[in-house]
């Protein structure tokens, strides 16, 4: 459930939906739908969030419980 992870990451980093939406070059409303699971997130946006938060894409996608990227 990626949408739970991206919400947790955003909140843990004290970011607003608007700030993350700007990072992803979208609107706050669209990002809100992604975060609520109403809209799927694209692979390129998962990668952008992964780099921004310095976590693995597997962590965002719920495939790993370790947020650290593999080296």
N, C-alpha and C. Protein backbone atom coordinates (compact mmCIF):
# COMPACT_ATOMS: atom_id res chain seq x y z
N UNK A 1 0.82 -1.18 0.00
CA UNK A 1 0.00 0.00 0.00
C UNK A 1 0.88 1.26 0.00
N UNK A 2 1.33 1.61 -1.17
CA UNK A 2 2.26 2.72 -1.31
C UNK A 2 1.70 4.03 -0.77
N UNK A 3 0.41 4.23 -0.90
CA UNK A 3 -0.15 5.52 -0.49
C UNK A 3 0.01 5.76 1.01
N UNK A 4 -0.02 4.71 1.82
CA UNK A 4 0.22 4.87 3.25
C UNK A 4 1.67 5.27 3.50
N UNK A 5 2.58 4.65 2.76
CA UNK A 5 4.00 4.96 2.93
C UNK A 5 4.32 6.39 2.52
N UNK A 6 3.75 6.84 1.39
CA UNK A 6 4.10 8.20 0.96
C UNK A 6 3.51 9.24 1.90
N UNK A 7 2.37 8.94 2.49
CA UNK A 7 1.81 9.86 3.48
C UNK A 7 2.69 9.90 4.72
N UNK A 8 3.10 8.72 5.20
CA UNK A 8 3.98 8.67 6.37
C UNK A 8 5.28 9.39 6.12
N UNK A 9 5.87 9.18 4.96
CA UNK A 9 7.13 9.85 4.64
C UNK A 9 6.95 11.37 4.61
N UNK A 10 5.87 11.81 4.01
CA UNK A 10 5.62 13.25 3.94
C UNK A 10 5.45 13.84 5.33
N UNK A 11 4.64 13.19 6.15
CA UNK A 11 4.39 13.69 7.49
C UNK A 11 5.65 13.63 8.36
N UNK A 12 6.42 12.55 8.24
CA UNK A 12 7.66 12.42 9.02
C UNK A 12 8.68 13.48 8.65
N UNK A 13 8.58 14.01 7.42
CA UNK A 13 9.51 15.03 6.96
C UNK A 13 8.91 16.43 7.02
N UNK A 14 7.78 16.54 7.71
CA UNK A 14 7.11 17.84 7.90
C UNK A 14 6.89 18.60 6.59
N UNK A 15 6.42 17.88 5.59
CA UNK A 15 6.11 18.48 4.29
C UNK A 15 4.60 18.52 4.10
N UNK A 16 4.15 19.49 3.33
CA UNK A 16 2.73 19.58 3.01
C UNK A 16 2.47 18.86 1.69
N UNK A 17 1.21 18.55 1.45
CA UNK A 17 0.85 17.95 0.16
C UNK A 17 1.21 18.91 -0.97
N UNK A 18 1.04 20.19 -0.75
CA UNK A 18 1.37 21.18 -1.78
C UNK A 18 2.85 21.15 -2.13
N UNK A 19 3.71 21.04 -1.13
CA UNK A 19 5.15 21.00 -1.38
C UNK A 19 5.52 19.76 -2.20
N UNK A 20 4.96 18.63 -1.85
CA UNK A 20 5.28 17.39 -2.58
C UNK A 20 4.68 17.44 -3.97
N UNK A 21 3.49 18.00 -4.09
CA UNK A 21 2.87 18.15 -5.41
C UNK A 21 3.75 18.99 -6.33
N UNK A 22 4.32 20.06 -5.81
CA UNK A 22 5.21 20.90 -6.60
C UNK A 22 6.45 20.12 -7.03
N UNK A 23 6.99 19.32 -6.13
CA UNK A 23 8.14 18.48 -6.46
C UNK A 23 7.81 17.54 -7.62
N UNK A 24 6.59 17.00 -7.60
CA UNK A 24 6.17 16.03 -8.61
C UNK A 24 5.55 16.71 -9.84
N UNK A 25 5.55 18.04 -9.84
CA UNK A 25 5.00 18.80 -10.96
C UNK A 25 3.53 18.46 -11.21
N UNK A 26 2.75 18.48 -10.15
CA UNK A 26 1.32 18.23 -10.24
C UNK A 26 0.60 19.15 -9.27
N UNK A 27 -0.70 19.03 -9.20
CA UNK A 27 -1.47 19.86 -8.28
C UNK A 27 -1.60 19.18 -6.93
N UNK A 28 -1.92 19.98 -5.93
CA UNK A 28 -2.14 19.42 -4.60
C UNK A 28 -3.32 18.47 -4.62
N UNK A 29 -4.36 18.79 -5.39
CA UNK A 29 -5.54 17.94 -5.47
C UNK A 29 -5.19 16.58 -6.06
N UNK A 30 -4.38 16.57 -7.11
CA UNK A 30 -3.98 15.30 -7.73
C UNK A 30 -3.12 14.48 -6.77
N UNK A 31 -2.18 15.17 -6.11
CA UNK A 31 -1.34 14.45 -5.16
C UNK A 31 -2.17 13.89 -4.01
N UNK A 32 -3.16 14.63 -3.56
CA UNK A 32 -4.05 14.15 -2.50
C UNK A 32 -4.73 12.85 -2.93
N UNK A 33 -5.17 12.79 -4.18
CA UNK A 33 -5.80 11.57 -4.67
C UNK A 33 -4.81 10.40 -4.71
N UNK A 34 -3.56 10.68 -5.03
CA UNK A 34 -2.53 9.63 -5.01
C UNK A 34 -2.35 9.14 -3.57
N UNK A 35 -2.24 10.08 -2.65
CA UNK A 35 -2.00 9.74 -1.25
C UNK A 35 -3.18 9.00 -0.62
N UNK A 36 -4.37 9.20 -1.15
CA UNK A 36 -5.56 8.53 -0.63
C UNK A 36 -5.86 7.22 -1.37
N UNK A 37 -5.03 6.88 -2.36
CA UNK A 37 -5.21 5.63 -3.08
C UNK A 37 -6.27 5.69 -4.16
N UNK A 38 -6.79 6.89 -4.46
CA UNK A 38 -7.81 7.03 -5.49
C UNK A 38 -7.22 7.09 -6.89
N UNK A 39 -5.94 7.45 -6.99
CA UNK A 39 -5.22 7.54 -8.26
C UNK A 39 -3.90 6.80 -8.13
N UNK A 40 -3.55 6.04 -9.14
CA UNK A 40 -2.28 5.32 -9.14
C UNK A 40 -1.11 6.30 -9.31
N UNK A 41 0.00 5.97 -8.72
CA UNK A 41 1.21 6.77 -8.89
C UNK A 41 2.03 6.16 -10.02
N UNK A 42 2.66 7.02 -10.80
CA UNK A 42 3.49 6.54 -11.91
C UNK A 42 4.88 6.16 -11.41
N UNK A 43 5.53 5.32 -12.17
CA UNK A 43 6.87 4.85 -11.79
C UNK A 43 7.86 6.01 -11.66
N UNK A 44 7.79 6.97 -12.56
CA UNK A 44 8.73 8.09 -12.49
C UNK A 44 8.52 8.91 -11.21
N UNK A 45 7.29 8.99 -10.76
CA UNK A 45 7.04 9.73 -9.51
C UNK A 45 7.48 8.93 -8.28
N UNK A 46 7.37 7.62 -8.34
CA UNK A 46 7.90 6.78 -7.25
C UNK A 46 9.41 7.00 -7.16
N UNK A 47 10.07 7.04 -8.29
CA UNK A 47 11.53 7.26 -8.31
C UNK A 47 11.86 8.64 -7.75
N UNK A 48 11.10 9.66 -8.15
CA UNK A 48 11.34 11.01 -7.63
C UNK A 48 11.19 11.07 -6.12
N UNK A 49 10.14 10.44 -5.60
CA UNK A 49 9.94 10.43 -4.15
C UNK A 49 11.03 9.64 -3.44
N UNK A 50 11.44 8.55 -4.05
CA UNK A 50 12.51 7.73 -3.49
C UNK A 50 13.80 8.55 -3.33
N UNK A 51 14.14 9.30 -4.35
CA UNK A 51 15.34 10.14 -4.30
C UNK A 51 15.16 11.28 -3.30
N UNK A 52 13.99 11.89 -3.28
CA UNK A 52 13.74 13.01 -2.39
C UNK A 52 13.84 12.59 -0.93
N UNK A 53 13.22 11.47 -0.59
CA UNK A 53 13.22 10.99 0.80
C UNK A 53 14.42 10.10 1.12
N UNK A 54 15.22 9.78 0.13
CA UNK A 54 16.38 8.90 0.28
C UNK A 54 15.98 7.54 0.86
N UNK A 55 14.96 6.96 0.24
CA UNK A 55 14.51 5.61 0.59
C UNK A 55 14.44 4.80 -0.70
N UNK A 56 14.34 3.50 -0.56
CA UNK A 56 14.25 2.66 -1.74
C UNK A 56 12.85 2.71 -2.35
N UNK A 57 12.79 2.47 -3.63
CA UNK A 57 11.48 2.37 -4.28
C UNK A 57 10.72 1.17 -3.72
N UNK A 58 11.42 0.11 -3.38
CA UNK A 58 10.77 -1.06 -2.78
C UNK A 58 10.08 -0.69 -1.47
N UNK A 59 10.69 0.20 -0.70
CA UNK A 59 10.07 0.64 0.55
C UNK A 59 8.78 1.39 0.27
N UNK A 60 8.82 2.31 -0.67
CA UNK A 60 7.62 3.07 -1.01
C UNK A 60 6.51 2.15 -1.49
N UNK A 61 6.87 1.16 -2.28
CA UNK A 61 5.88 0.25 -2.85
C UNK A 61 5.42 -0.84 -1.87
N UNK A 62 6.03 -0.89 -0.71
CA UNK A 62 5.64 -1.86 0.29
C UNK A 62 6.26 -3.24 0.10
N UNK A 63 7.29 -3.32 -0.74
CA UNK A 63 7.96 -4.60 -1.00
C UNK A 63 9.07 -4.88 0.01
N UNK A 64 9.41 -3.84 0.78
CA UNK A 64 10.46 -3.97 1.78
C UNK A 64 10.06 -3.13 2.99
N UNK A 65 10.45 -3.58 4.17
CA UNK A 65 10.20 -2.80 5.38
C UNK A 65 11.41 -1.96 5.77
N UNK A 66 12.49 -2.10 5.01
CA UNK A 66 13.69 -1.31 5.25
C UNK A 66 13.68 -0.11 4.33
N UNK A 67 13.68 1.10 4.90
CA UNK A 67 13.64 2.29 4.05
C UNK A 67 14.95 2.59 3.32
N UNK A 68 16.03 1.96 3.76
CA UNK A 68 17.33 2.28 3.17
C UNK A 68 17.49 1.64 1.81
N UNK A 69 17.96 2.42 0.84
CA UNK A 69 18.24 1.84 -0.48
C UNK A 69 19.38 0.84 -0.39
N UNK A 70 19.31 -0.21 -1.20
CA UNK A 70 20.40 -1.18 -1.25
C UNK A 70 21.58 -0.57 -1.98
N UNK A 71 22.79 -0.90 -1.48
CA UNK A 71 24.00 -0.35 -2.10
C UNK A 71 24.72 -1.41 -2.88
